[in-house]
Amino acid sequence: MKKIVFGSIMMLSGIIASALLMAGTMSPDLATNGQFTFIRNLALYGLDYALYVFIAIAVIGLLIASSELQKKEK
């Protein structure tokens, strides 16, 4: 049960951090051809690797929680 909660919290924190990072890069002064691209803005600030780390944290949390749920069913 503890690993399920740990995995769920880990996944939630990764998703929230990724969403905040994507929302924070959408500033109006950094537009490309009149269109906003969060990936380009992340690269400008050097935060693209941080996004990848946050997504990896969310995926690892999902794997931990789902593996514990499968163990619990057996």
C-alpha atoms as a PDB file:
ATOM      1  CA  MET A   1       0.000   0.000   0.000  1.00  0.00           C
ATOM      2  CA  LYS A   2       2.836   2.392   0.797  1.00  0.00           C
ATOM      3  CA  LYS A   3       4.420   1.903  -2.618  1.00  0.00           C
ATOM      4  CA  ILE A   4       1.106   2.591  -4.341  1.00  0.00           C
ATOM      5  CA  VAL A   5       0.754   5.898  -2.506  1.00  0.00           C
ATOM      6  CA  PHE A   6       4.428   6.719  -3.122  1.00  0.00           C
ATOM      7  CA  GLY A   7       4.101   5.985  -6.839  1.00  0.00           C
ATOM      8  CA  SER A   8       0.890   7.992  -7.116  1.00  0.00           C
ATOM      9  CA  ILE A   9       2.394  11.011  -5.368  1.00  0.00           C
ATOM     10  CA  MET A  10       5.526  10.736  -7.492  1.00  0.00           C
ATOM     11  CA  MET A  11       3.462  10.627 -10.675  1.00  0.00           C
ATOM     12  CA  LEU A  12       1.324  13.566  -9.556  1.00  0.00           C
ATOM     13  CA  SER A  13       4.365  15.676  -8.686  1.00  0.00           C
ATOM     14  CA  GLY A  14       5.930  14.956 -12.083  1.00  0.00           C
ATOM     15  CA  ILE A  15       2.749  15.915 -13.905  1.00  0.00           C
ATOM     16  CA  ILE A  16       2.284  19.116 -11.898  1.00  0.00           C
ATOM     17  CA  ALA A  17       5.925  20.141 -12.367  1.00  0.00           C
ATOM     18  CA  SER A  18       5.704  19.504 -16.116  1.00  0.00           C
ATOM     19  CA  ALA A  19       2.492  21.504 -16.393  1.00  0.00           C
ATOM     20  CA  LEU A  20       3.935  24.427 -14.439  1.00  0.00           C
ATOM     21  CA  LEU A  21       7.067  24.405 -16.560  1.00  0.00           C
ATOM     22  CA  MET A  22       5.060  24.391 -19.785  1.00  0.00           C
ATOM     23  CA  ALA A  23       2.718  27.132 -18.554  1.00  0.00           C
ATOM     24  CA  GLY A  24       5.583  29.275 -17.310  1.00  0.00           C
ATOM     25  CA  THR A  25       7.282  29.412 -20.687  1.00  0.00           C
ATOM     26  CA  MET A  26       4.291  30.872 -22.485  1.00  0.00           C
ATOM     27  CA  SER A  27       5.308  34.504 -22.052  1.00  0.00           C
ATOM     28  CA  PRO A  28       3.903  36.945 -24.612  1.00  0.00           C
ATOM     29  CA  ASP A  29       7.272  38.481 -25.528  1.00  0.00           C
ATOM     30  CA  LEU A  30       8.732  35.244 -26.910  1.00  0.00           C
ATOM     31  CA  ALA A  31       6.619  34.458 -29.957  1.00  0.00           C
ATOM     32  CA  THR A  32       7.848  32.658 -33.056  1.00  0.00           C
ATOM     33  CA  ASN A  33       6.131  33.870 -36.221  1.00  0.00           C
ATOM     34  CA  GLY A  34       3.168  34.951 -34.148  1.00  0.00           C
ATOM     35  CA  GLN A  35       2.798  31.492 -32.608  1.00  0.00           C
ATOM     36  CA  PHE A  36       3.843  30.414 -29.161  1.00  0.00           C
ATOM     37  CA  THR A  37       5.948  27.283 -28.919  1.00  0.00           C
ATOM     38  CA  PHE A  38       6.744  26.101 -25.427  1.00  0.00           C
ATOM     39  CA  ILE A  39       9.446  23.683 -26.601  1.00  0.00           C
ATOM     40  CA  ARG A  40      11.426  26.483 -28.263  1.00  0.00           C
ATOM     41  CA  ASN A  41      11.001  28.688 -25.213  1.00  0.00           C
ATOM     42  CA  LEU A  42      12.165  25.876 -22.947  1.00  0.00           C
ATOM     43  CA  ALA A  43      15.251  25.463 -25.109  1.00  0.00           C
ATOM     44  CA  LEU A  44      15.943  29.213 -24.957  1.00  0.00           C
ATOM     45  CA  TYR A  45      16.010  29.092 -21.171  1.00  0.00           C
ATOM     46  CA  GLY A  46      17.803  25.734 -21.045  1.00  0.00           C
ATOM     47  CA  LEU A  47      14.863  24.054 -19.336  1.00  0.00           C
ATOM     48  CA  ASP A  48      14.107  21.372 -21.904  1.00  0.00           C
ATOM     49  CA  TYR A  49      16.071  18.761 -19.973  1.00  0.00           C
ATOM     50  CA  ALA A  50      14.169  19.658 -16.811  1.00  0.00           C
ATOM     51  CA  LEU A  51      10.931  18.900 -18.654  1.00  0.00           C
ATOM     52  CA  TYR A  52      12.293  15.510 -19.686  1.00  0.00           C
ATOM     53  CA  VAL A  53      13.281  14.778 -16.079  1.00  0.00           C
ATOM     54  CA  PHE A  54       9.822  15.719 -14.787  1.00  0.00           C
ATOM     55  CA  ILE A  55       8.162  13.513 -17.396  1.00  0.00           C
ATOM     56  CA  ALA A  56      10.504  10.654 -16.455  1.00  0.00           C
ATOM     57  CA  ILE A  57       9.580  11.117 -12.781  1.00  0.00           C
ATOM     58  CA  ALA A  58       5.891  10.876 -13.679  1.00  0.00           C
ATOM     59  CA  VAL A  59       6.446   7.713 -15.745  1.00  0.00           C
ATOM     60  CA  ILE A  60       8.540   6.073 -13.003  1.00  0.00           C
ATOM     61  CA  GLY A  61       5.830   6.881 -10.456  1.00  0.00           C
ATOM     62  CA  LEU A  62       3.215   5.346 -12.741  1.00  0.00           C
ATOM     63  CA  LEU A  63       5.320   2.199 -13.135  1.00  0.00           C
ATOM     64  CA  ILE A  64       5.828   1.859  -9.372  1.00  0.00           C
ATOM     65  CA  ALA A  65       2.126   2.271  -8.615  1.00  0.00           C
ATOM     66  CA  SER A  66       0.965  -0.065 -11.384  1.00  0.00           C
ATOM     67  CA  SER A  67       3.493  -2.777 -10.500  1.00  0.00           C
ATOM     68  CA  GLU A  68       2.315  -2.731  -6.891  1.00  0.00           C
ATOM     69  CA  LEU A  69      -1.309  -2.933  -7.997  1.00  0.00           C
ATOM     70  CA  GLN A  70      -0.507  -5.984 -10.119  1.00  0.00           C
ATOM     71  CA  LYS A  71       1.311  -7.634  -7.199  1.00  0.00           C
ATOM     72  CA  LYS A  72      -1.651  -6.934  -4.951  1.00  0.00           C
ATOM     73  CA  GLU A  73      -4.088  -8.604  -7.358  1.00  0.00           C
ATOM     74  CA  LYS A  74      -2.121 -11.856  -7.420  1.00  0.00           C
END
